Amino acid sequence: MLLGLLGAAALAAQQSPQQSPPVADDNPDLRCMVAFSIVLDQTEKNGDMKNGDTKEAEKAGLTTIVMYYVGKIDGRLPGFNYAGAVKKLIEAPGYGTKLPADLQRCGAEAAKRGQTLIELGEELQSMAPLVESKHG
C-alpha cells in the first residue's frame, strides 16, 4: 500500500505542468504523510489479529490521513516531487528515530482536524431542514 500511495503521488506530480517540481528538505507535512504511510503498510502486513471490519476501518482511516497530508502538500507545492522528497527523507541518517515524534505530532493534528470535521457534520445536519425546504 505504501508503494501504491507513493506511486499515485508521483503520478500526480508528473501530470503537473511545472518543469522542475519542488523538493522540500524537511517538510513537516511530508513527514506526516510518510509516517502514516509506514503505519498503514505495517497495519496491512500485521493486522491479521483484528476482525475484517475493524482492520478495514483502520486502513480506511489511515488512508484518509495520508491523503489529507498529500492534499496539504499539493495545495502549497503543486508539482511536488514526492518520489525525490520521500527518498531523501527515508534515507536521511536517523530518520527512524524521528518517526515516533512525527507520529505523535501528526496524530494530534489529524485528531484535531477530525474533530473539526465532526463538528462541521453536526452543523450541516442541523441545516438539512433548510436545504429540504429550499430544494425538496
Protein backbone atom coordinates (compact mmCIF):
# COMPACT_ATOMS: atom_id res chain seq x y z
CA MET A 1 0.00 0.00 0.00
CA LEU A 2 2.86 2.38 0.82
CA LEU A 3 4.28 1.95 -2.65
CA GLY A 4 0.83 2.39 -4.18
CA LEU A 5 0.20 5.65 -2.34
CA LEU A 6 3.65 6.97 -3.16
CA GLY A 7 3.20 5.88 -6.77
CA ALA A 8 -0.10 7.76 -7.02
CA ALA A 9 1.53 10.85 -5.56
CA ALA A 10 4.43 10.58 -8.02
CA LEU A 11 2.00 10.21 -10.93
CA ALA A 12 0.11 13.31 -9.81
CA ALA A 13 3.39 15.22 -9.67
CA GLN A 14 4.30 14.10 -13.21
CA GLN A 15 0.99 15.39 -14.55
CA SER A 16 1.70 18.89 -13.27
CA PRO A 17 2.76 21.46 -15.88
CA GLN A 18 5.77 22.63 -13.84
CA GLN A 19 9.20 21.95 -15.33
CA SER A 20 11.09 21.31 -12.10
CA PRO A 21 8.91 20.16 -9.21
CA PRO A 22 9.91 21.49 -5.81
CA VAL A 23 11.53 19.22 -3.25
CA ALA A 24 11.39 20.31 0.37
CA ASP A 25 14.25 19.16 2.57
CA ASP A 26 12.23 18.98 5.77
CA ASN A 27 8.54 19.44 5.03
CA PRO A 28 6.50 18.62 8.17
CA ASP A 29 3.51 17.53 6.08
CA LEU A 30 5.70 15.18 4.06
CA ARG A 31 7.00 13.73 7.32
CA CYS A 32 3.38 13.10 8.39
CA MET A 33 2.43 11.56 5.05
CA VAL A 34 5.38 9.19 5.19
CA ALA A 35 4.89 8.34 8.88
CA PHE A 36 1.24 7.38 8.38
CA SER A 37 2.09 5.54 5.15
CA ILE A 38 4.51 3.42 7.17
CA VAL A 39 1.84 2.74 9.81
CA LEU A 40 -0.64 1.87 7.06
CA ASP A 41 1.85 -0.52 5.49
CA GLN A 42 2.52 -2.19 8.85
CA THR A 43 -1.22 -2.41 9.55
CA GLU A 44 -1.74 -4.22 6.26
CA LYS A 45 1.10 -6.62 6.99
CA ASN A 46 0.44 -7.26 10.68
CA GLY A 47 -3.27 -6.60 11.18
CA ASP A 48 -4.37 -10.23 10.90
CA MET A 49 -5.45 -10.44 14.56
CA LYS A 50 -8.26 -7.92 14.08
CA ASN A 51 -11.58 -8.85 12.57
CA GLY A 52 -12.08 -7.84 8.96
CA ASP A 53 -14.35 -4.86 9.63
CA THR A 54 -12.01 -3.37 12.24
CA LYS A 55 -8.96 -3.88 10.03
CA GLU A 56 -10.68 -2.30 7.02
CA ALA A 57 -11.91 0.65 9.08
CA GLU A 58 -8.41 1.21 10.46
CA LYS A 59 -6.90 1.05 6.96
CA ALA A 60 -9.52 3.47 5.64
CA GLY A 61 -8.79 5.89 8.47
CA LEU A 62 -5.05 5.73 7.90
CA THR A 63 -5.51 6.16 4.14
CA THR A 64 -7.64 9.24 4.81
CA ILE A 65 -4.90 10.72 7.00
CA VAL A 66 -2.27 10.06 4.33
CA MET A 67 -4.43 11.71 1.67
CA TYR A 68 -5.06 14.69 3.99
CA TYR A 69 -1.32 15.34 4.09
CA VAL A 70 -0.97 14.79 0.33
CA GLY A 71 -3.66 17.44 -0.12
CA LYS A 72 -1.85 19.87 2.15
CA ILE A 73 1.36 19.40 0.20
CA ASP A 74 -0.36 19.68 -3.18
CA GLY A 75 -2.12 22.86 -2.06
CA ARG A 76 1.14 24.58 -1.20
CA LEU A 77 3.52 22.94 -3.64
CA PRO A 78 1.83 21.99 -6.94
CA GLY A 79 4.04 19.58 -8.84
CA PHE A 80 5.82 18.46 -5.68
CA ASN A 81 8.44 15.79 -6.34
CA TYR A 82 7.12 13.16 -3.94
CA ALA A 83 9.46 10.38 -5.03
CA GLY A 84 12.58 12.52 -4.63
CA ALA A 85 11.48 14.00 -1.32
CA VAL A 86 10.40 10.67 0.18
CA LYS A 87 13.65 9.02 -0.88
CA LYS A 88 15.66 11.85 0.63
CA LEU A 89 13.64 11.72 3.85
CA ILE A 90 13.76 7.98 4.47
CA GLU A 91 17.46 7.80 3.58
CA ALA A 92 18.35 10.62 5.97
CA PRO A 93 20.54 9.46 8.87
CA GLY A 94 18.48 8.87 11.98
CA TYR A 95 15.10 9.12 10.26
CA GLY A 96 13.76 6.10 12.16
CA THR A 97 14.46 7.77 15.50
CA LYS A 98 12.32 10.77 14.49
CA LEU A 99 9.35 8.64 13.48
CA PRO A 100 7.71 8.35 16.95
CA ALA A 101 7.77 12.14 17.42
CA ASP A 102 6.35 12.62 13.92
CA LEU A 103 3.54 10.18 14.65
CA GLN A 104 2.69 11.95 17.90
CA ARG A 105 2.71 15.41 16.31
CA CYS A 106 0.86 14.34 13.18
CA GLY A 107 -1.62 12.21 15.11
CA ALA A 108 -2.55 15.20 17.27
CA GLU A 109 -3.05 17.34 14.16
CA ALA A 110 -5.13 14.65 12.44
CA ALA A 111 -7.27 14.19 15.56
CA LYS A 112 -7.90 17.93 15.76
CA ARG A 113 -8.87 18.02 12.08
CA GLY A 114 -11.13 15.01 12.59
CA GLN A 115 -12.91 16.76 15.45
CA THR A 116 -13.38 19.83 13.25
CA LEU A 117 -14.99 17.63 10.58
CA ILE A 118 -17.30 16.02 13.14
CA GLU A 119 -18.42 19.45 14.30
CA LEU A 120 -18.94 20.59 10.71
CA GLY A 121 -21.03 17.48 10.01
CA GLU A 122 -23.21 18.24 13.02
CA GLU A 123 -23.73 21.82 11.85
CA LEU A 124 -24.59 20.68 8.34
CA GLN A 125 -27.09 18.14 9.69
CA SER A 126 -28.87 20.94 11.52
CA MET A 127 -29.24 22.68 8.15
CA ALA A 128 -30.93 19.69 6.49
CA PRO A 129 -34.48 21.03 7.05
CA LEU A 130 -33.42 24.32 5.40
CA VAL A 131 -31.99 22.51 2.38
CA GLU A 132 -35.08 20.29 2.06
CA SER A 133 -37.42 23.30 2.18
CA LYS A 134 -35.43 25.13 -0.50
CA HIS A 135 -34.72 22.18 -2.80
CA GLY A 136 -37.10 19.41 -1.76
